[in-house]
C-alpha atoms as a PDB file:
ATOM      1  CA  MET A   1     -14.730 -33.490  11.084  1.00  0.00           C
ATOM      2  CA  THR A   2     -12.890 -30.246  10.322  1.00  0.00           C
ATOM      3  CA  ASP A   3     -14.744 -26.945  10.584  1.00  0.00           C
ATOM      4  CA  ARG A   4     -15.070 -25.611   7.065  1.00  0.00           C
ATOM      5  CA  PRO A   5     -15.662 -21.956   6.305  1.00  0.00           C
ATOM      6  CA  THR A   6     -19.187 -21.118   5.223  1.00  0.00           C
ATOM      7  CA  LYS A   7     -18.040 -18.663   2.590  1.00  0.00           C
ATOM      8  CA  ILE A   8     -15.082 -17.737   0.428  1.00  0.00           C
ATOM      9  CA  ALA A   9     -13.380 -14.576   1.709  1.00  0.00           C
ATOM     10  CA  TYR A  10     -13.018 -12.879  -1.678  1.00  0.00           C
ATOM     11  CA  GLY A  11     -12.282  -9.478  -0.156  1.00  0.00           C
ATOM     12  CA  ARG A  12      -9.439 -10.823   1.944  1.00  0.00           C
ATOM     13  CA  LEU A  13      -8.067 -12.826  -1.003  1.00  0.00           C
ATOM     14  CA  MET A  14      -8.143  -9.764  -3.291  1.00  0.00           C
ATOM     15  CA  HIS A  15      -6.487  -7.676  -0.586  1.00  0.00           C
ATOM     16  CA  HIS A  16      -3.681 -10.236  -0.308  1.00  0.00           C
ATOM     17  CA  ALA A  17      -3.259 -10.463  -4.094  1.00  0.00           C
ATOM     18  CA  MET A  18      -2.971  -6.685  -4.493  1.00  0.00           C
ATOM     19  CA  ARG A  19      -0.370  -6.469  -1.731  1.00  0.00           C
ATOM     20  CA  GLY A  20       1.500  -9.255  -3.559  1.00  0.00           C
ATOM     21  CA  LEU A  21       1.444  -7.126  -6.705  1.00  0.00           C
ATOM     22  CA  ILE A  22       3.017  -4.219  -4.782  1.00  0.00           C
ATOM     23  CA  GLN A  23       5.642  -6.588  -3.365  1.00  0.00           C
ATOM     24  CA  ARG A  24       6.521  -7.799  -6.873  1.00  0.00           C
ATOM     25  CA  VAL A  25       6.735  -4.269  -8.321  1.00  0.00           C
ATOM     26  CA  LEU A  26       8.940  -3.011  -5.477  1.00  0.00           C
ATOM     27  CA  SER A  27      11.139  -6.128  -5.670  1.00  0.00           C
ATOM     28  CA  ASP A  28      11.698  -5.496  -9.380  1.00  0.00           C
ATOM     29  CA  VAL A  29      12.540  -1.836  -8.699  1.00  0.00           C
ATOM     30  CA  ALA A  30      14.950  -2.857  -5.931  1.00  0.00           C
ATOM     31  CA  ALA A  31      16.714  -5.170  -8.390  1.00  0.00           C
ATOM     32  CA  THR A  32      16.763  -3.005 -11.531  1.00  0.00           C
ATOM     33  CA  GLY A  33      15.686   0.542 -10.619  1.00  0.00           C
ATOM     34  CA  LEU A  34      12.665   2.545 -11.749  1.00  0.00           C
ATOM     35  CA  PRO A  35      12.043   2.151 -15.481  1.00  0.00           C
ATOM     36  CA  GLY A  36      11.157   5.151 -17.656  1.00  0.00           C
ATOM     37  CA  ASP A  37       8.914   7.743 -16.025  1.00  0.00           C
ATOM     38  CA  HIS A  38       7.520   5.374 -13.385  1.00  0.00           C
ATOM     39  CA  HIS A  39       7.308   6.707  -9.847  1.00  0.00           C
ATOM     40  CA  PHE A  40       5.163   5.868  -6.851  1.00  0.00           C
ATOM     41  CA  PHE A  41       3.071   7.670  -4.278  1.00  0.00           C
ATOM     42  CA  ILE A  42       2.622   5.341  -1.309  1.00  0.00           C
ATOM     43  CA  THR A  43       0.375   6.361   1.572  1.00  0.00           C
ATOM     44  CA  PHE A  44       0.614   4.316   4.745  1.00  0.00           C
ATOM     45  CA  ASP A  45      -0.737   4.208   8.289  1.00  0.00           C
ATOM     46  CA  THR A  46       2.029   5.466  10.595  1.00  0.00           C
ATOM     47  CA  THR A  47       0.327   3.825  13.604  1.00  0.00           C
ATOM     48  CA  ALA A  48       0.340   0.301  12.114  1.00  0.00           C
ATOM     49  CA  ASP A  49       2.354  -2.469  13.745  1.00  0.00           C
ATOM     50  CA  GLY A  50       5.853  -2.754  12.329  1.00  0.00           C
ATOM     51  CA  VAL A  51       6.100   0.753  10.857  1.00  0.00           C
ATOM     52  CA  GLY A  52       9.559   2.171  11.476  1.00  0.00           C
ATOM     53  CA  LEU A  53      10.318   5.856  11.072  1.00  0.00           C
ATOM     54  CA  ALA A  54      12.166   8.616  12.892  1.00  0.00           C
ATOM     55  CA  ASP A  55      10.416  10.152  15.890  1.00  0.00           C
ATOM     56  CA  TRP A  56      10.275  13.578  14.223  1.00  0.00           C
ATOM     57  CA  LEU A  57       8.484  12.069  11.219  1.00  0.00           C
ATOM     58  CA  ARG A  58       6.049  10.200  13.458  1.00  0.00           C
ATOM     59  CA  ASP A  59       5.345  13.477  15.303  1.00  0.00           C
ATOM     60  CA  ARG A  60       4.759  15.294  12.017  1.00  0.00           C
ATOM     61  CA  TYR A  61       2.600  12.485  10.560  1.00  0.00           C
ATOM     62  CA  PRO A  62       0.813  10.948  13.562  1.00  0.00           C
ATOM     63  CA  GLU A  63      -1.739   8.958  11.528  1.00  0.00           C
ATOM     64  CA  GLU A  64      -0.845   8.750   7.847  1.00  0.00           C
ATOM     65  CA  MET A  65       2.070   9.652   5.603  1.00  0.00           C
ATOM     66  CA  THR A  66       2.625   9.692   1.834  1.00  0.00           C
ATOM     67  CA  ILE A  67       6.063   9.048   0.407  1.00  0.00           C
ATOM     68  CA  VAL A  68       7.255   9.480  -3.157  1.00  0.00           C
ATOM     69  CA  ILE A  69       9.693   7.028  -4.692  1.00  0.00           C
ATOM     70  CA  GLN A  70      11.076   8.792  -7.735  1.00  0.00           C
ATOM     71  CA  HIS A  71      14.363  10.633  -8.169  1.00  0.00           C
ATOM     72  CA  TRP A  72      16.309   9.892  -5.006  1.00  0.00           C
ATOM     73  CA  TYR A  73      15.986   6.847  -2.833  1.00  0.00           C
ATOM     74  CA  ASP A  74      18.454   4.343  -1.476  1.00  0.00           C
ATOM     75  CA  GLY A  75      18.562   0.972   0.217  1.00  0.00           C
ATOM     76  CA  LEU A  76      15.229  -0.306  -1.110  1.00  0.00           C
ATOM     77  CA  ALA A  77      14.869  -3.801   0.342  1.00  0.00           C
ATOM     78  CA  VAL A  78      11.713  -5.897   0.033  1.00  0.00           C
ATOM     79  CA  ASP A  79      10.697  -8.990   1.980  1.00  0.00           C
ATOM     80  CA  ASP A  80       7.481 -10.952   2.499  1.00  0.00           C
ATOM     81  CA  ASP A  81       6.146  -8.542   5.127  1.00  0.00           C
ATOM     82  CA  GLY A  82       7.043  -5.130   3.709  1.00  0.00           C
ATOM     83  CA  PHE A  83       9.881  -2.937   2.557  1.00  0.00           C
ATOM     84  CA  SER A  84      12.606  -0.690   3.876  1.00  0.00           C
ATOM     85  CA  ILE A  85      13.885   2.400   2.107  1.00  0.00           C
ATOM     86  CA  ILE A  86      16.003   5.482   2.727  1.00  0.00           C
ATOM     87  CA  LEU A  87      14.408   8.733   1.552  1.00  0.00           C
ATOM     88  CA  ASN A  88      15.593  12.321   1.701  1.00  0.00           C
ATOM     89  CA  PHE A  89      13.590  14.738   3.868  1.00  0.00           C
ATOM     90  CA  GLY A  90      15.026  18.248   3.510  1.00  0.00           C
ATOM     91  CA  ASP A  91      18.592  17.007   2.990  1.00  0.00           C
ATOM     92  CA  ASN A  92      18.186  14.521   5.860  1.00  0.00           C
ATOM     93  CA  PRO A  93      18.302  10.884   4.739  1.00  0.00           C
ATOM     94  CA  GLU A  94      15.902   8.840   6.882  1.00  0.00           C
ATOM     95  CA  SER A  95      15.276   5.094   6.990  1.00  0.00           C
ATOM     96  CA  LEU A  96      11.683   3.885   6.863  1.00  0.00           C
ATOM     97  CA  ARG A  97      10.190   0.441   7.346  1.00  0.00           C
ATOM     98  CA  ILE A  98       6.711  -0.006   5.862  1.00  0.00           C
ATOM     99  CA  PRO A  99       4.809  -3.281   6.249  1.00  0.00           C
ATOM    100  CA  PHE A 100       2.544  -4.123   3.322  1.00  0.00           C
ATOM    101  CA  ASP A 101      -0.404  -4.259   5.731  1.00  0.00           C
ATOM    102  CA  ALA A 102       0.170  -0.573   6.589  1.00  0.00           C
ATOM    103  CA  ILE A 103      -0.227   0.593   2.974  1.00  0.00           C
ATOM    104  CA  ARG A 104      -3.425   2.561   2.291  1.00  0.00           C
ATOM    105  CA  THR A 105      -2.746   3.630  -1.321  1.00  0.00           C
ATOM    106  CA  PHE A 106      -0.226   2.786  -4.011  1.00  0.00           C
ATOM    107  CA  VAL A 107      -0.254   5.015  -7.100  1.00  0.00           C
ATOM    108  CA  ASP A 108       1.942   5.159 -10.201  1.00  0.00           C
ATOM    109  CA  PRO A 109       0.734   8.353 -11.918  1.00  0.00           C
ATOM    110  CA  SER A 110       2.975   7.783 -14.952  1.00  0.00           C
ATOM    111  CA  VAL A 111       0.615   5.046 -16.131  1.00  0.00           C
ATOM    112  CA  GLU A 112      -2.514   6.096 -14.217  1.00  0.00           C
ATOM    113  CA  PHE A 113      -2.433   2.991 -12.021  1.00  0.00           C
ATOM    114  CA  GLY A 114      -3.587   2.992  -8.433  1.00  0.00           C
ATOM    115  CA  LEU A 115      -4.780   0.812  -5.604  1.00  0.00           C
ATOM    116  CA  ARG A 116      -6.576   1.823  -2.439  1.00  0.00           C
ATOM    117  CA  PHE A 117      -6.968  -0.471   0.531  1.00  0.00           C
ATOM    118  CA  GLU A 118      -9.980  -0.019   2.779  1.00  0.00           C
ATOM    119  CA  ARG A 119      -9.422  -0.042   6.498  1.00  0.00           C
ATOM    120  CA  THR A 120     -11.015  -3.025   8.129  1.00  0.00           C
ATOM    121  CA  GLU A 121     -12.047  -3.072  11.763  1.00  0.00           C
ATOM    122  CA  THR A 122     -12.042  -6.863  12.021  1.00  0.00           C
ATOM    123  CA  PRO A 123     -10.304  -9.646  10.117  1.00  0.00           C
ATOM    124  CA  ASP A 124     -13.716 -11.040   9.131  1.00  0.00           C
ATOM    125  CA  ASP A 125     -15.406 -10.132   5.879  1.00  0.00           C
ATOM    126  CA  GLY A 126     -18.802 -10.019   7.585  1.00  0.00           C
ATOM    127  CA  PRO A 127     -21.217 -12.328   9.365  1.00  0.00           C
ATOM    128  CA  GLU A 128     -20.799 -15.898   8.180  1.00  0.00           C
ATOM    129  CA  ASP A 129     -24.503 -16.579   7.647  1.00  0.00           C
ATOM    130  CA  GLU A 130     -25.077 -13.345   5.738  1.00  0.00           C
ATOM    131  CA  PRO A 131     -23.782 -12.870   2.173  1.00  0.00           C
ATOM    132  CA  PRO A 132     -21.582  -9.816   1.731  1.00  0.00           C
ATOM    133  CA  ALA A 133     -23.189  -6.770   0.180  1.00  0.00           C
ATOM    134  CA  PRO A 134     -22.298  -6.298  -3.492  1.00  0.00           C
ATOM    135  CA  PRO A 135     -19.422  -3.849  -3.874  1.00  0.00           C
ATOM    136  CA  PRO A 136     -19.960  -0.480  -5.537  1.00  0.00           C
ATOM    137  CA  SER A 137     -19.169  -0.554  -9.252  1.00  0.00           C
ATOM    138  CA  ASP A 138     -15.599   0.824  -8.935  1.00  0.00           C
ATOM    139  CA  ARG A 139     -14.500  -1.537  -6.166  1.00  0.00           C
ATOM    140  CA  GLN A 140     -13.194  -5.073  -6.001  1.00  0.00           C
ATOM    141  CA  GLY A 141     -13.289  -6.513  -2.482  1.00  0.00           C
ATOM    142  CA  ASP A 142     -10.959  -4.527  -0.237  1.00  0.00           C
ATOM    143  CA  ALA A 143      -9.002  -3.032  -3.135  1.00  0.00           C
ATOM    144  CA  GLU A 144     -10.280  -0.003  -5.006  1.00  0.00           C
ATOM    145  CA  VAL A 145      -9.164   1.960  -8.008  1.00  0.00           C
ATOM    146  CA  VAL A 146      -7.815   5.341  -6.965  1.00  0.00           C
ATOM    147  CA  ARG A 147      -9.086   8.378  -8.809  1.00  0.00           C
ATOM    148  CA  LEU A 148      -5.946   9.970 -10.214  1.00  0.00           C
ATOM    149  CA  ASP A 149      -7.321  13.441 -10.926  1.00  0.00           C
ATOM    150  CA  ARG A 150      -5.380  14.958  -8.036  1.00  0.00           C
ATOM    151  CA  PHE A 151      -2.094  13.472  -9.290  1.00  0.00           C
ATOM    152  CA  ARG A 152      -2.441  14.448 -12.951  1.00  0.00           C
ATOM    153  CA  LYS A 153      -0.322  17.242 -14.356  1.00  0.00           C
ATOM    154  CA  ASN A 154      -2.269  20.309 -15.445  1.00  0.00           C
ATOM    155  CA  HIS A 155      -1.425  21.080 -19.066  1.00  0.00           C
END
């Protein structure tokens, strides 16, 4: 008899679905460009496996870095594990490789859309014989709506 899980890992499933959404959005942008006023703030863990960035950037951002995909970017390529992009840092084009699992937040302030991924210490969603605690009202599993107040333009 096959060992069957004792619970459905909703948090992990939601986490995977939201990363799939980011993959789809970035794939569309790679194919057709950014539509309208859309632009992205993407914060990622610079220590995560598979992150590729210049040594000087890693020194400057030893734990976390936020990039903006808006006016100038080049070479956006998306695959099942993450994306690569060339961004301009003070007139220095630099290549970055960002796995989807390294992403902490994905925000498109033009439409007030955002996702935040909680850091997990273990791949488990909790003890198998204990039901998970109900999430706070603004959370869904491991994904969370980002408060966009800090990204809004002051008019």
